Every structure is written in structure tokens, then in C-alpha cells.
Amino acid sequence: MVEYLRILLNARFEKMDERGASAVEYGLLIAGIAALIVVVVFAFGDNITAIFDNTCKAVGDGASTGSSC
């Protein structure tokens, strides 16, 4: 029992390594950015597709190549 208490006390007083915490924070940041991208794509996907289609048609008409988008 005394050995167990000594281990607990030593663990409390030792300096904690924070590299694992940093990795978790970066992981949460990346997950948040990915979730934001997914939400934006689902919310504005149709509008963005229309913008790209209009741009493609305008470039195709200006080039007079007759290529389709």
C-alpha cells in the first residue's frame, strides 16, 4: 500500500509531457476545418457548380473550339 502511495505522489510531482496534448489539439483543429469544408460544400455546392458551368461555357464560347464542359 505504501508503495502504491509513493508511486501516486511521484506521478503528481513529475513534470507532465505535453506533446500528446498538442497532437490532440492539432487533430481537433484539423477535424473542425474538415467539418467546416463539408458544411460549406453541402450548403453552396449547387451555386458553385453553376458558377463553374457558366465560366466553362464562357471560355468555350470565347475560344470557339466547340468543346463541351
PDB file of N, CA and C in Angstrom:
ATOM      1  N   MET A   1       0.826  -1.194   0.000  1.00  0.00           N
ATOM      2  CA  MET A   1       0.000   0.000   0.000  1.00  0.00           C
ATOM      3  C   MET A   1       0.868   1.255   0.000  1.00  0.00           C
ATOM      4  N   VAL A   2       1.939   1.219   0.789  1.00  0.00           N
ATOM      5  CA  VAL A   2       2.835   2.368   0.866  1.00  0.00           C
ATOM      6  C   VAL A   2       3.505   2.605  -0.489  1.00  0.00           C
ATOM      7  N   GLU A   3       3.859   1.512  -1.146  1.00  0.00           N
ATOM      8  CA  GLU A   3       4.484   1.634  -2.474  1.00  0.00           C
ATOM      9  C   GLU A   3       3.514   2.283  -3.469  1.00  0.00           C
ATOM     10  N   TYR A   4       2.280   1.910  -3.402  1.00  0.00           N
ATOM     11  CA  TYR A   4       1.249   2.494  -4.269  1.00  0.00           C
ATOM     12  C   TYR A   4       1.115   3.996  -4.037  1.00  0.00           C
ATOM     13  N   LEU A   5       1.096   4.425  -2.790  1.00  0.00           N
ATOM     14  CA  LEU A   5       1.006   5.850  -2.474  1.00  0.00           C
ATOM     15  C   LEU A   5       2.243   6.602  -2.944  1.00  0.00           C
ATOM     16  N   ARG A   6       3.413   5.968  -2.837  1.00  0.00           N
ATOM     17  CA  ARG A   6       4.640   6.615  -3.298  1.00  0.00           C
ATOM     18  C   ARG A   6       4.599   6.832  -4.801  1.00  0.00           C
ATOM     19  N   ILE A   7       4.119   5.854  -5.522  1.00  0.00           N
ATOM     20  CA  ILE A   7       4.012   5.982  -6.977  1.00  0.00           C
ATOM     21  C   ILE A   7       3.041   7.098  -7.341  1.00  0.00           C
ATOM     22  N   LEU A   8       1.931   7.180  -6.657  1.00  0.00           N
ATOM     23  CA  LEU A   8       0.957   8.242  -6.931  1.00  0.00           C
ATOM     24  C   LEU A   8       1.544   9.622  -6.660  1.00  0.00           C
ATOM     25  N   LEU A   9       2.248   9.758  -5.564  1.00  0.00           N
ATOM     26  CA  LEU A   9       2.842  11.052  -5.231  1.00  0.00           C
ATOM     27  C   LEU A   9       3.935  11.436  -6.224  1.00  0.00           C
ATOM     28  N   ASN A  10       4.752  10.496  -6.610  1.00  0.00           N
ATOM     29  CA  ASN A  10       5.793  10.788  -7.596  1.00  0.00           C
ATOM     30  C   ASN A  10       5.184  11.185  -8.932  1.00  0.00           C
ATOM     31  N   ALA A  11       4.115  10.538  -9.317  1.00  0.00           N
ATOM     32  CA  ALA A  11       3.459  10.868 -10.580  1.00  0.00           C
ATOM     33  C   ALA A  11       2.874  12.277 -10.545  1.00  0.00           C
ATOM     34  N   ARG A  12       2.407  12.703  -9.399  1.00  0.00           N
ATOM     35  CA  ARG A  12       1.823  14.052  -9.294  1.00  0.00           C
ATOM     36  C   ARG A  12       2.882  15.130  -9.396  1.00  0.00           C
ATOM     37  N   PHE A  13       4.065  14.857  -8.874  1.00  0.00           N
ATOM     38  CA  PHE A  13       5.091  15.890  -8.809  1.00  0.00           C
ATOM     39  C   PHE A  13       5.993  15.926 -10.039  1.00  0.00           C
ATOM     40  N   GLU A  14       5.942  14.915 -10.867  1.00  0.00           N
ATOM     41  CA  GLU A  14       6.761  14.925 -12.067  1.00  0.00           C
ATOM     42  C   GLU A  14       6.142  15.851 -13.106  1.00  0.00           C
ATOM     43  N   LYS A  15       7.022  16.396 -13.929  1.00  0.00           N
ATOM     44  CA  LYS A  15       6.548  17.286 -14.995  1.00  0.00           C
ATOM     45  C   LYS A  15       5.859  16.442 -16.068  1.00  0.00           C
ATOM     46  N   MET A  16       4.692  16.890 -16.459  1.00  0.00           N
ATOM     47  CA  MET A  16       3.933  16.161 -17.456  1.00  0.00           C
ATOM     48  C   MET A  16       4.444  16.514 -18.851  1.00  0.00           C
ATOM     49  N   ASP A  17       4.478  15.528 -19.720  1.00  0.00           N
ATOM     50  CA  ASP A  17       4.883  15.736 -21.104  1.00  0.00           C
ATOM     51  C   ASP A  17       3.657  16.197 -21.889  1.00  0.00           C
ATOM     52  N   GLU A  18       3.755  17.339 -22.556  1.00  0.00           N
ATOM     53  CA  GLU A  18       2.591  17.935 -23.220  1.00  0.00           C
ATOM     54  C   GLU A  18       2.569  17.695 -24.721  1.00  0.00           C
ATOM     55  N   ARG A  19       3.447  16.842 -25.226  1.00  0.00           N
ATOM     56  CA  ARG A  19       3.433  16.585 -26.665  1.00  0.00           C
ATOM     57  C   ARG A  19       2.149  15.904 -27.094  1.00  0.00           C
ATOM     58  N   GLY A  20       1.625  15.021 -26.293  1.00  0.00           N
ATOM     59  CA  GLY A  20       0.375  14.343 -26.619  1.00  0.00           C
ATOM     60  C   GLY A  20      -0.795  15.310 -26.656  1.00  0.00           C
ATOM     61  N   ALA A  21      -0.797  16.275 -25.739  1.00  0.00           N
ATOM     62  CA  ALA A  21      -1.870  17.275 -25.722  1.00  0.00           C
ATOM     63  C   ALA A  21      -1.822  18.136 -26.977  1.00  0.00           C
ATOM     64  N   SER A  22      -0.624  18.479 -27.429  1.00  0.00           N
ATOM     65  CA  SER A  22      -0.504  19.283 -28.647  1.00  0.00           C
ATOM     66  C   SER A  22      -1.028  18.519 -29.852  1.00  0.00           C
ATOM     67  N   ALA A  23      -0.723  17.231 -29.911  1.00  0.00           N
ATOM     68  CA  ALA A  23      -1.195  16.424 -31.033  1.00  0.00           C
ATOM     69  C   ALA A  23      -2.721  16.347 -31.035  1.00  0.00           C
ATOM     70  N   VAL A  24      -3.310  16.235 -29.866  1.00  0.00           N
ATOM     71  CA  VAL A  24      -4.774  16.195 -29.773  1.00  0.00           C
ATOM     72  C   VAL A  24      -5.366  17.527 -30.217  1.00  0.00           C
ATOM     73  N   GLU A  25      -4.751  18.615 -29.808  1.00  0.00           N
ATOM     74  CA  GLU A  25      -5.258  19.937 -30.200  1.00  0.00           C
ATOM     75  C   GLU A  25      -5.183  20.123 -31.712  1.00  0.00           C
ATOM     76  N   TYR A  26      -4.063  19.716 -32.322  1.00  0.00           N
ATOM     77  CA  TYR A  26      -3.957  19.816 -33.778  1.00  0.00           C
ATOM     78  C   TYR A  26      -4.980  18.914 -34.464  1.00  0.00           C
ATOM     79  N   GLY A  27      -5.200  17.747 -33.925  1.00  0.00           N
ATOM     80  CA  GLY A  27      -6.197  16.847 -34.500  1.00  0.00           C
ATOM     81  C   GLY A  27      -7.595  17.438 -34.447  1.00  0.00           C
ATOM     82  N   LEU A  28      -7.933  18.061 -33.322  1.00  0.00           N
ATOM     83  CA  LEU A  28      -9.243  18.711 -33.213  1.00  0.00           C
ATOM     84  C   LEU A  28      -9.368  19.885 -34.173  1.00  0.00           C
ATOM     85  N   LEU A  29      -8.282  20.628 -34.350  1.00  0.00           N
ATOM     86  CA  LEU A  29      -8.300  21.760 -35.280  1.00  0.00           C
ATOM     87  C   LEU A  29      -8.519  21.277 -36.710  1.00  0.00           C
ATOM     88  N   ILE A  30      -7.831  20.233 -37.105  1.00  0.00           N
ATOM     89  CA  ILE A  30      -7.989  19.689 -38.451  1.00  0.00           C
ATOM     90  C   ILE A  30      -9.394  19.122 -38.643  1.00  0.00           C
ATOM     91  N   ALA A  31      -9.925  18.448 -37.639  1.00  0.00           N
ATOM     92  CA  ALA A  31     -11.283  17.916 -37.730  1.00  0.00           C
ATOM     93  C   ALA A  31     -12.308  19.039 -37.867  1.00  0.00           C
ATOM     94  N   GLY A  32     -12.104  20.131 -37.143  1.00  0.00           N
ATOM     95  CA  GLY A  32     -13.006  21.280 -37.250  1.00  0.00           C
ATOM     96  C   GLY A  32     -12.972  21.914 -38.623  1.00  0.00           C
ATOM     97  N   ILE A  33     -11.776  22.058 -39.188  1.00  0.00           N
ATOM     98  CA  ILE A  33     -11.654  22.638 -40.530  1.00  0.00           C
ATOM     99  C   ILE A  33     -12.297  21.723 -41.565  1.00  0.00           C
ATOM    100  N   ALA A  34     -12.096  20.418 -41.434  1.00  0.00           N
ATOM    101  CA  ALA A  34     -12.712  19.474 -42.369  1.00  0.00           C
ATOM    102  C   ALA A  34     -14.231  19.521 -42.278  1.00  0.00           C
ATOM    103  N   ALA A  35     -14.759  19.620 -41.069  1.00  0.00           N
ATOM    104  CA  ALA A  35     -16.211  19.708 -40.902  1.00  0.00           C
ATOM    105  C   ALA A  35     -16.749  20.993 -41.522  1.00  0.00           C
ATOM    106  N   LEU A  36     -16.024  22.078 -41.368  1.00  0.00           N
ATOM    107  CA  LEU A  36     -16.440  23.348 -41.972  1.00  0.00           C
ATOM    108  C   LEU A  36     -16.462  23.256 -43.497  1.00  0.00           C
ATOM    109  N   ILE A  37     -15.459  22.609 -44.075  1.00  0.00           N
ATOM    110  CA  ILE A  37     -15.424  22.443 -45.534  1.00  0.00           C
ATOM    111  C   ILE A  37     -16.604  21.611 -46.006  1.00  0.00           C
ATOM    112  N   VAL A  38     -16.932  20.552 -45.289  1.00  0.00           N
ATOM    113  CA  VAL A  38     -18.067  19.707 -45.671  1.00  0.00           C
ATOM    114  C   VAL A  38     -19.367  20.502 -45.616  1.00  0.00           C
ATOM    115  N   VAL A  39     -19.545  21.293 -44.583  1.00  0.00           N
ATOM    116  CA  VAL A  39     -20.767  22.101 -44.451  1.00  0.00           C
ATOM    117  C   VAL A  39     -20.860  23.112 -45.581  1.00  0.00           C
ATOM    118  N   VAL A  40     -19.769  23.770 -45.915  1.00  0.00           N
ATOM    119  CA  VAL A  40     -19.772  24.768 -46.992  1.00  0.00           C
ATOM    120  C   VAL A  40     -20.080  24.111 -48.329  1.00  0.00           C
ATOM    121  N   VAL A  41     -19.494  22.951 -48.593  1.00  0.00           N
ATOM    122  CA  VAL A  41     -19.743  22.265 -49.870  1.00  0.00           C
ATOM    123  C   VAL A  41     -21.205  21.851 -49.979  1.00  0.00           C
ATOM    124  N   PHE A  42     -21.782  21.327 -48.910  1.00  0.00           N
ATOM    125  CA  PHE A  42     -23.190  20.941 -48.968  1.00  0.00           C
ATOM    126  C   PHE A  42     -24.114  22.156 -49.046  1.00  0.00           C
ATOM    127  N   ALA A  43     -23.757  23.250 -48.407  1.00  0.00           N
ATOM    128  CA  ALA A  43     -24.620  24.430 -48.404  1.00  0.00           C
ATOM    129  C   ALA A  43     -24.561  25.184 -49.733  1.00  0.00           C
ATOM    130  N   PHE A  44     -23.368  25.289 -50.316  1.00  0.00           N
ATOM    131  CA  PHE A  44     -23.202  26.112 -51.512  1.00  0.00           C
ATOM    132  C   PHE A  44     -22.808  25.301 -52.739  1.00  0.00           C
ATOM    133  N   GLY A  45     -22.934  23.998 -52.689  1.00  0.00           N
ATOM    134  CA  GLY A  45     -22.495  23.137 -53.782  1.00  0.00           C
ATOM    135  C   GLY A  45     -23.179  23.436 -55.107  1.00  0.00           C
ATOM    136  N   ASP A  46     -24.488  23.608 -55.098  1.00  0.00           N
ATOM    137  CA  ASP A  46     -25.210  23.875 -56.346  1.00  0.00           C
ATOM    138  C   ASP A  46     -24.820  25.223 -56.932  1.00  0.00           C
ATOM    139  N   ASN A  47     -24.662  26.233 -56.097  1.00  0.00           N
ATOM    140  CA  ASN A  47     -24.272  27.554 -56.584  1.00  0.00           C
ATOM    141  C   ASN A  47     -22.866  27.532 -57.173  1.00  0.00           C
ATOM    142  N   ILE A  48     -21.962  26.830 -56.528  1.00  0.00           N
ATOM    143  CA  ILE A  48     -20.591  26.751 -57.022  1.00  0.00           C
ATOM    144  C   ILE A  48     -20.546  25.990 -58.342  1.00  0.00           C
ATOM    145  N   THR A  49     -21.341  24.936 -58.462  1.00  0.00           N
ATOM    146  CA  THR A  49     -21.405  24.184 -59.718  1.00  0.00           C
ATOM    147  C   THR A  49     -21.912  25.065 -60.842  1.00  0.00           C
ATOM    148  N   ALA A  50     -22.918  25.859 -60.573  1.00  0.00           N
ATOM    149  CA  ALA A  50     -23.453  26.768 -61.595  1.00  0.00           C
ATOM    150  C   ALA A  50     -22.408  27.797 -62.009  1.00  0.00           C
ATOM    151  N   ILE A  51     -21.657  28.318 -61.065  1.00  0.00           N
ATOM    152  CA  ILE A  51     -20.614  29.306 -61.389  1.00  0.00           C
ATOM    153  C   ILE A  51     -19.554  28.676 -62.290  1.00  0.00           C
ATOM    154  N   PHE A  52     -19.112  27.452 -61.968  1.00  0.00           N
ATOM    155  CA  PHE A  52     -18.102  26.793 -62.790  1.00  0.00           C
ATOM    156  C   PHE A  52     -18.651  26.455 -64.175  1.00  0.00           C
ATOM    157  N   ASP A  53     -19.912  26.043 -64.255  1.00  0.00           N
ATOM    158  CA  ASP A  53     -20.505  25.743 -65.557  1.00  0.00           C
ATOM    159  C   ASP A  53     -20.587  27.000 -66.424  1.00  0.00           C
ATOM    160  N   ASN A  54     -21.020  28.114 -65.834  1.00  0.00           N
ATOM    161  CA  ASN A  54     -21.098  29.368 -66.591  1.00  0.00           C
ATOM    162  C   ASN A  54     -19.719  29.811 -67.057  1.00  0.00           C
ATOM    163  N   THR A  55     -18.724  29.670 -66.214  1.00  0.00           N
ATOM    164  CA  THR A  55     -17.369  30.054 -66.580  1.00  0.00           C
ATOM    165  C   THR A  55     -16.847  29.168 -67.699  1.00  0.00           C
ATOM    166  N   CYS A  56     -17.103  27.879 -67.614  1.00  0.00           N
ATOM    167  CA  CYS A  56     -16.657  26.953 -68.645  1.00  0.00           C
ATOM    168  C   CYS A  56     -17.316  27.275 -69.989  1.00  0.00           C
ATOM    169  N   LYS A  57     -18.598  27.558 -69.960  1.00  0.00           N
ATOM    170  CA  LYS A  57     -19.305  27.908 -71.204  1.00  0.00           C
ATOM    171  C   LYS A  57     -18.779  29.203 -71.796  1.00  0.00           C
ATOM    172  N   ALA A  58     -18.488  30.182 -70.936  1.00  0.00           N
ATOM    173  CA  ALA A  58     -17.963  31.456 -71.427  1.00  0.00           C
ATOM    174  C   ALA A  58     -16.583  31.272 -72.044  1.00  0.00           C
ATOM    175  N   VAL A  59     -15.754  30.474 -71.450  1.00  0.00           N
ATOM    176  CA  VAL A  59     -14.417  30.225 -72.002  1.00  0.00           C
ATOM    177  C   VAL A  59     -14.536  29.445 -73.303  1.00  0.00           C
ATOM    178  N   GLY A  60     -15.427  28.467 -73.333  1.00  0.00           N
ATOM    179  CA  GLY A  60     -15.621  27.685 -74.568  1.00  0.00           C
ATOM    180  C   GLY A  60     -16.155  28.543 -75.699  1.00  0.00           C
ATOM    181  N   ASP A  61     -17.081  29.454 -75.403  1.00  0.00           N
ATOM    182  CA  ASP A  61     -17.618  30.353 -76.440  1.00  0.00           C
ATOM    183  C   ASP A  61     -16.557  31.328 -76.923  1.00  0.00           C
ATOM    184  N   GLY A  62     -15.718  31.786 -76.033  1.00  0.00           N
ATOM    185  CA  GLY A  62     -14.662  32.734 -76.410  1.00  0.00           C
ATOM    186  C   GLY A  62     -13.571  32.061 -77.223  1.00  0.00           C
ATOM    187  N   ALA A  63     -13.313  30.810 -76.994  1.00  0.00           N
ATOM    188  CA  ALA A  63     -12.249  30.101 -77.720  1.00  0.00           C
ATOM    189  C   ALA A  63     -12.734  29.585 -79.054  1.00  0.00           C
ATOM    190  N   SER A  64     -14.017  29.484 -79.241  1.00  0.00           N
ATOM    191  CA  SER A  64     -14.638  28.995 -80.486  1.00  0.00           C
ATOM    192  C   SER A  64     -14.146  27.619 -80.870  1.00  0.00           C
ATOM    193  N   THR A  65     -13.871  26.794 -79.909  1.00  0.00           N
ATOM    194  CA  THR A  65     -13.431  25.435 -80.208  1.00  0.00           C
ATOM    195  C   THR A  65     -14.592  24.456 -80.221  1.00  0.00           C
ATOM    196  N   GLY A  66     -15.676  24.834 -79.624  1.00  0.00           N
ATOM    197  CA  GLY A  66     -16.845  23.975 -79.591  1.00  0.00           C
ATOM    198  C   GLY A  66     -16.716  22.831 -78.594  1.00  0.00           C
ATOM    199  N   SER A  67     -15.753  22.927 -77.684  1.00  0.00           N
ATOM    200  CA  SER A  67     -15.608  21.861 -76.689  1.00  0.00           C
ATOM    201  C   SER A  67     -16.691  21.999 -75.626  1.00  0.00           C
ATOM    202  N   SER A  68     -17.114  20.859 -75.113  1.00  0.00           N
ATOM    203  CA  SER A  68     -18.139  20.884 -74.075  1.00  0.00           C
ATOM    204  C   SER A  68     -17.493  20.762 -72.715  1.00  0.00           C
ATOM    205  N   CYS A  69     -18.218  21.233 -71.702  1.00  0.00           N
ATOM    206  CA  CYS A  69     -17.692  21.221 -70.324  1.00  0.00           C
ATOM    207  C   CYS A  69     -17.925  19.914 -69.683  1.00  0.00           C
TER     208      CYS A  69
END
